[in-house]
Amino acid sequence: MRKVRINNGQVGLVFSNNNYQRVITEGVYWFWWNETIYTYDKSKPFYSAVELNLLLRDQELAAMLQIVEVRDTEIVFQYENGNFKSVLTPGRYAFWKGVMNYTFTYIDLSKAEITEAVDANMLTRKEIAPYVRTFVVDPYEAGVLLVDGKFRQMLTTGIYYFWKNAIVVAVMKADLRQLQLEVAGQEILTKDKAALRVNFFAQYKVVDVMKALLDNKEHEKQLYILLQLALREYMGTLSLDELLEKKESVAQYVMNTIAEKATHLGVEIKDCGVRDVILPGEMKEIMNQVLVAQKKAEANVIMRREETASTRSLLNTAKLMEDNAMLFKLKEMEYVEKIADKINSISLSGGNQIIDQLKDIFVPAK
């Protein structure tokens, strides 16, 4: 025979020829050599080397164990002394009573919504994350919850958790900030068949989330097409010169044209406008030539206008001098003064005749 001691906090299971016989608790025991004793720590979960159902036939052993049954559509959160320990998947589990305080939370995975009293911080633990779907709606967004393809509810800012199972859960989100849409490099023919490229922009905002996300597919692409068609419709009615002169009117026309259609998409147009009108290389050269010719013509007009004004001024001066001898002499003296500024010295010869001529110049006739 041999002696076996079972310490405090331990339990022993006695087997004879691999057949379960009985359970033993704290104490000293003597056994035959054909008997085998398995010792278990009551502070740890019970894992049996044989079929658990056979052991539970022993009423004494069954009373010492807490049995947890987890069905196929369930998981169970195991807590030890109030602290989370592990996740129990489908199966049967046994825990010793008396030493550890075990509690269990049953989770029904056959539904998507989390209705159990589970703290949100628990759902982010790495042990639980494989069973949870997480959706985030940012502060500038609004969301639409779809369950199995059907609308369930609107979602505001926050973090939303759902159990992961065969149920299809989707969250569609719309950005509620003011957005900008670029219609870039649009090739358009004007009324006079001039080919050009236009860059256009539109600022818009989602005002009806249900229309934008559920009633319309890819509302932004549809808005792009509306802008594109409105641009072609209006600019095709203008010649190149009219377009360049009325570029500001394009935005107003586009705004008025698509405003109502945009409401069906769940969006509101806030502003729009033409950013650039790009002409082909040959057209640029022609426009530059036209511009140069216009500027030359304007310069010629200005020169003729100034020449006419100068001639008219001379004519008026001549008439005044014709009627006033003193004014005529003053004008002569002015020119003599200008000539004298350029002469350093004057040599006179000829006697009184030259002096008399100078008098005639500077002294008006009486």
Protein backbone atom coordinates (compact mmCIF):
# COMPACT_ATOMS: atom_id res chain seq x y z
CA MET A 1 0.00 0.00 0.00
CA ARG A 2 1.04 3.62 -0.34
CA LYS A 3 0.15 6.81 1.51
CA VAL A 4 -1.33 9.90 -0.19
CA ARG A 5 -1.82 13.29 1.48
CA ILE A 6 -4.51 15.72 0.22
CA ASN A 7 -3.70 19.23 1.43
CA ASN A 8 -6.05 22.07 2.22
CA GLY A 9 -7.54 23.53 -0.95
CA GLN A 10 -7.07 20.28 -2.87
CA VAL A 11 -9.36 17.49 -4.02
CA GLY A 12 -8.42 13.99 -5.11
CA LEU A 13 -10.14 11.67 -7.54
CA VAL A 14 -9.54 7.97 -7.02
CA PHE A 15 -9.39 5.60 -9.99
CA SER A 16 -9.00 1.83 -9.88
CA ASN A 17 -7.88 0.14 -13.06
CA ASN A 18 -8.75 3.42 -14.88
CA ASN A 19 -12.31 3.37 -13.52
CA TYR A 20 -13.51 6.25 -11.32
CA GLN A 21 -14.20 5.22 -7.73
CA ARG A 22 -14.71 8.24 -5.47
CA VAL A 23 -13.65 11.75 -4.47
CA ILE A 24 -11.46 12.50 -1.44
CA THR A 25 -10.87 15.79 0.36
CA GLU A 26 -8.25 17.06 2.81
CA GLY A 27 -6.52 14.28 4.79
CA VAL A 28 -4.13 11.30 4.64
CA TYR A 29 -5.16 8.16 2.79
CA TRP A 30 -3.76 4.69 2.06
CA PHE A 31 -4.29 3.10 -1.31
CA TRP A 32 -3.50 -0.17 -3.05
CA TRP A 33 -0.95 -0.16 -5.81
CA ASN A 34 -3.62 -0.64 -8.52
CA GLU A 35 -5.37 2.58 -7.47
CA THR A 36 -4.49 5.94 -9.04
CA ILE A 37 -5.16 9.32 -7.43
CA TYR A 38 -5.43 12.57 -9.42
CA THR A 39 -4.98 15.70 -7.33
CA TYR A 40 -6.70 18.99 -8.29
CA ASP A 41 -6.19 22.55 -7.07
CA LYS A 42 -9.60 23.99 -6.11
CA SER A 43 -8.42 27.51 -7.01
CA LYS A 44 -8.22 26.52 -10.68
CA PRO A 45 -10.87 25.32 -13.16
CA PHE A 46 -11.48 21.58 -13.22
CA TYR A 47 -10.24 19.73 -16.31
CA SER A 48 -11.11 16.05 -16.28
CA ALA A 49 -9.03 13.32 -17.87
CA VAL A 50 -12.19 11.31 -18.46
CA GLU A 51 -15.69 12.09 -19.65
CA LEU A 52 -17.21 14.68 -17.35
CA ASN A 53 -20.69 13.13 -17.54
CA LEU A 54 -19.34 9.93 -15.97
CA LEU A 55 -17.84 11.85 -13.05
CA LEU A 56 -21.02 13.83 -12.43
CA ARG A 57 -22.86 10.61 -11.61
CA ASP A 58 -21.11 10.85 -8.25
CA GLN A 59 -23.45 13.14 -6.29
CA GLU A 60 -20.72 14.11 -3.82
CA LEU A 61 -18.40 15.23 -6.63
CA ALA A 62 -21.25 16.95 -8.51
CA ALA A 63 -22.07 18.99 -5.37
CA MET A 64 -18.48 20.24 -5.24
CA LEU A 65 -18.51 21.53 -8.86
CA GLN A 66 -20.17 24.47 -10.59
CA ILE A 67 -21.12 23.43 -14.12
CA VAL A 68 -21.33 25.98 -16.92
CA GLU A 69 -23.08 24.97 -20.16
CA VAL A 70 -22.33 27.15 -23.20
CA ARG A 71 -24.56 26.57 -26.22
CA ASP A 72 -23.53 26.92 -29.87
CA THR A 73 -24.98 30.44 -30.16
CA GLU A 74 -23.41 31.66 -26.94
CA ILE A 75 -20.20 32.71 -25.32
CA VAL A 76 -19.71 33.25 -21.59
CA PHE A 77 -17.56 35.83 -19.82
CA GLN A 78 -15.86 34.20 -16.82
CA TYR A 79 -15.03 36.35 -13.78
CA GLU A 80 -12.92 35.38 -10.77
CA ASN A 81 -13.57 37.41 -7.64
CA GLY A 82 -15.17 40.12 -9.78
CA ASN A 83 -12.29 40.33 -12.31
CA PHE A 84 -12.59 39.22 -15.91
CA LYS A 85 -10.66 36.01 -16.55
CA SER A 86 -11.54 34.49 -19.92
CA VAL A 87 -14.15 33.84 -22.62
CA LEU A 88 -15.83 30.44 -22.62
CA THR A 89 -16.79 29.14 -26.05
CA PRO A 90 -19.49 26.48 -26.70
CA GLY A 91 -19.01 23.41 -24.47
CA ARG A 92 -19.30 22.24 -20.85
CA TYR A 93 -17.02 23.62 -18.12
CA ALA A 94 -16.59 22.73 -14.44
CA PHE A 95 -15.26 24.93 -11.63
CA TRP A 96 -14.59 24.03 -8.00
CA LYS A 97 -16.81 25.69 -5.42
CA GLY A 98 -15.65 27.24 -2.20
CA VAL A 99 -12.21 28.75 -2.88
CA MET A 100 -12.74 31.15 -5.79
CA ASN A 101 -15.85 33.23 -6.32
CA TYR A 102 -16.79 32.52 -9.93
CA THR A 103 -19.42 34.56 -11.79
CA PHE A 104 -20.50 34.20 -15.41
CA THR A 105 -22.19 36.46 -17.94
CA TYR A 106 -23.98 34.70 -20.76
CA ILE A 107 -23.81 36.37 -24.17
CA ASP A 108 -26.35 35.56 -26.87
CA LEU A 109 -24.54 35.72 -30.22
CA SER A 110 -27.69 34.94 -32.22
CA LYS A 111 -28.55 38.67 -32.22
CA ALA A 112 -26.53 41.65 -33.36
CA GLU A 113 -27.41 44.17 -30.64
CA ILE A 114 -25.52 44.08 -27.35
CA THR A 115 -28.29 43.99 -24.75
CA GLU A 116 -26.26 42.38 -21.97
CA ALA A 117 -24.92 44.45 -19.09
CA VAL A 118 -21.35 44.58 -20.38
CA ASP A 119 -19.08 47.56 -19.82
CA ALA A 120 -17.88 49.19 -23.05
CA ASN A 121 -14.28 48.93 -21.87
CA MET A 122 -14.68 45.15 -21.75
CA LEU A 123 -15.56 45.04 -25.44
CA THR A 124 -12.14 46.42 -26.39
CA ARG A 125 -10.17 43.66 -24.63
CA LYS A 126 -8.17 41.42 -26.93
CA GLU A 127 -9.97 38.30 -25.65
CA ILE A 128 -13.40 39.71 -26.58
CA ALA A 129 -12.50 41.69 -29.72
CA PRO A 130 -12.90 38.69 -32.09
CA TYR A 131 -16.59 38.52 -31.15
CA VAL A 132 -17.36 42.22 -31.54
CA ARG A 133 -17.94 44.54 -34.53
CA THR A 134 -17.04 48.19 -33.93
CA PHE A 135 -18.25 51.25 -35.84
CA VAL A 136 -17.14 54.84 -35.20
CA VAL A 137 -19.18 57.91 -36.16
CA ASP A 138 -16.96 60.99 -35.93
CA PRO A 139 -18.20 64.37 -34.61
CA TYR A 140 -18.58 65.76 -38.14
CA GLU A 141 -20.52 62.73 -39.39
CA ALA A 142 -23.98 61.18 -39.23
CA GLY A 143 -24.56 57.47 -39.72
CA VAL A 144 -27.29 55.12 -40.89
CA LEU A 145 -27.48 51.64 -39.33
CA LEU A 146 -28.50 48.80 -41.67
CA VAL A 147 -29.21 45.32 -40.32
CA ASP A 148 -29.55 42.60 -42.96
CA GLY A 149 -29.86 45.37 -45.53
CA LYS A 150 -32.78 47.08 -43.76
CA PHE A 151 -32.74 50.51 -42.18
CA ARG A 152 -32.68 50.25 -38.39
CA GLN A 153 -31.86 53.72 -37.04
CA MET A 154 -29.88 56.94 -37.41
CA LEU A 155 -26.56 57.13 -35.59
CA THR A 156 -25.10 60.27 -34.08
CA THR A 157 -21.52 60.84 -32.93
CA GLY A 158 -20.14 57.92 -30.94
CA ILE A 159 -18.72 54.38 -30.92
CA TYR A 160 -21.15 51.53 -31.59
CA TYR A 161 -20.61 47.84 -30.81
CA PHE A 162 -22.43 44.81 -32.20
CA TRP A 163 -21.92 41.10 -31.73
CA LYS A 164 -20.20 39.39 -34.64
CA ASN A 165 -22.37 36.68 -36.20
CA ALA A 166 -24.13 35.75 -39.45
CA ILE A 167 -26.32 38.86 -39.28
CA VAL A 168 -25.08 41.51 -41.72
CA VAL A 169 -24.55 44.83 -39.94
CA ALA A 170 -23.42 47.88 -41.90
CA VAL A 171 -23.05 51.57 -41.03
CA MET A 172 -23.16 54.14 -43.83
CA LYS A 173 -21.73 57.53 -42.93
CA ALA A 174 -22.16 61.02 -44.41
CA ASP A 175 -19.76 63.91 -43.88
CA LEU A 176 -21.77 66.89 -42.60
CA ARG A 177 -19.00 69.44 -43.14
CA GLN A 178 -18.98 71.87 -46.08
CA LEU A 179 -17.39 69.96 -48.95
CA GLN A 180 -15.90 71.00 -52.27
CA LEU A 181 -16.34 69.22 -55.59
CA GLU A 182 -13.98 69.93 -58.49
CA VAL A 183 -15.06 69.64 -62.14
CA ALA A 184 -11.61 69.86 -63.69
CA GLY A 185 -10.44 69.96 -67.30
CA GLN A 186 -13.88 69.93 -68.95
CA GLU A 187 -13.50 70.24 -72.72
CA ILE A 188 -16.36 72.37 -74.07
CA LEU A 189 -17.23 73.81 -77.49
CA THR A 190 -18.59 77.36 -77.47
CA LYS A 191 -21.31 78.62 -79.79
CA ASP A 192 -18.68 79.71 -82.34
CA LYS A 193 -17.00 76.26 -82.17
CA ALA A 194 -14.04 77.39 -80.09
CA ALA A 195 -12.63 74.48 -78.07
CA LEU A 196 -11.59 75.28 -74.54
CA ARG A 197 -11.14 73.64 -71.15
CA VAL A 198 -12.85 74.82 -68.00
CA ASN A 199 -12.08 74.19 -64.32
CA PHE A 200 -15.19 74.61 -62.17
CA PHE A 201 -15.79 74.15 -58.45
CA ALA A 202 -18.84 73.80 -56.23
CA GLN A 203 -19.12 73.94 -52.45
CA TYR A 204 -21.96 71.91 -50.97
CA LYS A 205 -23.23 70.38 -47.75
CA VAL A 206 -25.25 67.24 -46.96
CA VAL A 207 -28.53 68.37 -45.40
CA ASP A 208 -30.61 65.16 -45.67
CA VAL A 209 -28.65 62.07 -44.67
CA MET A 210 -31.43 59.63 -45.59
CA LYS A 211 -31.69 60.95 -49.14
CA ALA A 212 -27.93 61.16 -49.59
CA LEU A 213 -27.17 57.65 -48.36
CA LEU A 214 -30.30 55.54 -48.90
CA ASP A 215 -32.37 57.15 -51.66
CA ASN A 216 -29.35 57.79 -53.90
CA LYS A 217 -26.31 55.76 -54.79
CA GLU A 218 -23.05 57.74 -54.74
CA HIS A 219 -24.69 61.15 -54.43
CA GLU A 220 -21.34 62.91 -54.97
CA LYS A 221 -20.89 61.33 -58.41
CA GLN A 222 -24.44 62.30 -59.35
CA LEU A 223 -23.79 65.88 -58.25
CA TYR A 224 -20.65 65.90 -60.41
CA ILE A 225 -22.70 64.87 -63.47
CA LEU A 226 -25.29 67.59 -62.77
CA LEU A 227 -22.56 70.25 -62.63
CA GLN A 228 -20.95 68.93 -65.78
CA LEU A 229 -24.21 68.96 -67.79
CA ALA A 230 -25.20 72.43 -66.57
CA LEU A 231 -21.80 73.79 -67.58
CA ARG A 232 -22.01 72.33 -71.09
CA GLU A 233 -25.60 73.48 -71.53
CA TYR A 234 -24.90 77.12 -70.70
CA MET A 235 -21.43 77.59 -72.15
CA GLY A 236 -22.52 76.02 -75.43
CA THR A 237 -24.91 78.95 -75.96
CA LEU A 238 -22.17 81.60 -75.71
CA SER A 239 -19.46 82.61 -78.14
CA LEU A 240 -15.90 82.76 -76.90
CA ASP A 241 -15.97 86.54 -76.52
CA GLU A 242 -19.31 86.41 -74.68
CA LEU A 243 -18.00 83.69 -72.39
CA LEU A 244 -14.91 85.68 -71.47
CA GLU A 245 -17.04 88.77 -70.82
CA LYS A 246 -19.78 86.95 -68.87
CA LYS A 247 -17.67 84.43 -66.97
CA GLU A 248 -19.33 85.42 -63.69
CA SER A 249 -22.77 84.57 -65.05
CA VAL A 250 -21.84 80.90 -65.46
CA ALA A 251 -21.89 80.28 -61.70
CA GLN A 252 -25.31 81.88 -61.26
CA TYR A 253 -26.80 79.82 -64.10
CA VAL A 254 -25.35 76.56 -62.75
CA MET A 255 -26.54 77.37 -59.24
CA ASN A 256 -30.10 78.08 -60.39
CA THR A 257 -30.20 75.06 -62.69
CA ILE A 258 -29.11 72.35 -60.26
CA ALA A 259 -30.41 73.77 -56.95
CA GLU A 260 -33.66 71.80 -57.02
CA LYS A 261 -32.04 68.65 -58.40
CA ALA A 262 -29.44 68.81 -55.62
CA THR A 263 -32.17 68.69 -52.96
CA HIS A 264 -33.23 65.29 -54.32
CA LEU A 265 -29.69 64.14 -53.63
CA GLY A 266 -29.92 65.41 -50.05
CA VAL A 267 -27.35 68.18 -50.57
CA GLU A 268 -27.42 71.98 -50.73
CA ILE A 269 -25.17 74.00 -53.04
CA LYS A 270 -23.49 76.76 -51.05
CA ASP A 271 -21.33 78.36 -53.73
CA CYS A 272 -19.82 77.65 -57.13
CA GLY A 273 -17.75 79.37 -59.79
CA VAL A 274 -15.40 79.14 -62.75
CA ARG A 275 -11.83 78.80 -61.60
CA ASP A 276 -10.03 78.78 -64.97
CA VAL A 277 -10.82 79.04 -68.68
CA ILE A 278 -7.95 77.43 -70.57
CA LEU A 279 -7.53 78.12 -74.30
CA PRO A 280 -5.61 75.83 -76.70
CA GLY A 281 -2.14 76.94 -77.82
CA GLU A 282 -3.25 78.21 -81.27
CA MET A 283 -6.18 80.07 -79.77
CA LYS A 284 -3.88 81.75 -77.27
CA GLU A 285 -1.68 83.06 -80.07
CA ILE A 286 -4.70 84.42 -81.94
CA MET A 287 -6.06 86.08 -78.81
CA ASN A 288 -2.65 87.63 -78.11
CA GLN A 289 -2.52 89.01 -81.67
CA VAL A 290 -6.00 90.46 -81.29
CA LEU A 291 -5.04 92.01 -77.99
CA VAL A 292 -1.88 93.57 -79.48
CA ALA A 293 -3.85 94.97 -82.43
CA GLN A 294 -6.47 96.44 -80.08
CA LYS A 295 -3.82 98.10 -77.95
CA LYS A 296 -2.07 99.54 -81.02
CA ALA A 297 -5.38 100.93 -82.28
CA GLU A 298 -6.06 102.47 -78.89
CA ALA A 299 -2.57 104.01 -78.86
CA ASN A 300 -3.11 105.49 -82.35
CA VAL A 301 -6.41 106.99 -81.26
CA ILE A 302 -4.76 108.56 -78.24
CA MET A 303 -1.91 109.97 -80.38
CA ARG A 304 -4.36 111.49 -82.91
CA ARG A 305 -6.39 112.96 -80.10
CA GLU A 306 -3.31 114.60 -78.60
CA GLU A 307 -2.13 115.92 -81.99
CA THR A 308 -5.57 117.43 -82.61
CA ALA A 309 -5.55 119.07 -79.19
CA SER A 310 -2.04 120.45 -79.80
CA THR A 311 -3.00 121.85 -83.23
CA ARG A 312 -6.13 123.45 -81.80
CA SER A 313 -4.02 125.07 -79.06
CA LEU A 314 -1.58 126.49 -81.64
CA LEU A 315 -4.46 127.84 -83.69
CA ASN A 316 -5.91 129.61 -80.68
CA THR A 317 -2.52 131.10 -79.81
CA ALA A 318 -2.03 132.37 -83.38
CA LYS A 319 -5.42 134.09 -83.32
CA LEU A 320 -4.57 135.82 -80.04
CA MET A 321 -1.20 137.04 -81.32
CA GLU A 322 -2.81 138.29 -84.54
CA ASP A 323 -5.12 140.55 -82.55
CA ASN A 324 -2.53 141.71 -79.98
CA ALA A 325 0.88 143.09 -81.10
CA MET A 326 2.23 143.12 -77.54
CA LEU A 327 1.46 139.39 -77.17
CA PHE A 328 3.20 138.74 -80.51
CA LYS A 329 6.34 140.62 -79.29
CA LEU A 330 6.28 138.67 -75.98
CA LYS A 331 6.20 135.43 -77.96
CA GLU A 332 9.13 136.64 -80.07
CA MET A 333 11.06 137.56 -76.94
CA GLU A 334 10.32 134.11 -75.49
CA TYR A 335 11.87 132.42 -78.50
CA VAL A 336 14.85 134.86 -78.46
CA GLU A 337 15.36 134.02 -74.80
CA LYS A 338 15.39 130.29 -75.61
CA ILE A 339 17.94 130.97 -78.37
CA ALA A 340 20.06 133.18 -76.06
CA ASP A 341 20.23 130.35 -73.48
CA LYS A 342 22.15 128.33 -76.03
CA ILE A 343 24.59 131.24 -77.01
CA ASN A 344 27.62 132.19 -74.92
CA SER A 345 28.49 135.45 -76.76
CA ILE A 346 27.22 137.70 -79.61
CA SER A 347 29.53 139.70 -81.89
CA LEU A 348 27.91 142.68 -83.66
CA SER A 349 29.08 144.47 -86.80
CA GLY A 350 27.32 146.86 -89.09
CA GLY A 351 26.87 149.86 -86.85
CA ASN A 352 23.56 151.42 -86.05
CA GLN A 353 21.60 149.24 -88.45
CA ILE A 354 21.99 146.09 -86.29
CA ILE A 355 21.12 147.97 -83.11
CA ASP A 356 17.99 149.25 -84.75
CA GLN A 357 17.04 145.71 -85.76
CA LEU A 358 17.45 144.50 -82.14
CA LYS A 359 15.26 147.37 -81.00
CA ASP A 360 12.64 146.26 -83.47
CA ILE A 361 12.72 142.81 -81.92
CA PHE A 362 12.49 143.78 -78.22
CA VAL A 363 10.52 147.00 -78.42
CA PRO A 364 6.92 146.73 -79.59
CA ALA A 365 5.84 149.13 -82.33
CA LYS A 366 3.68 151.99 -81.18
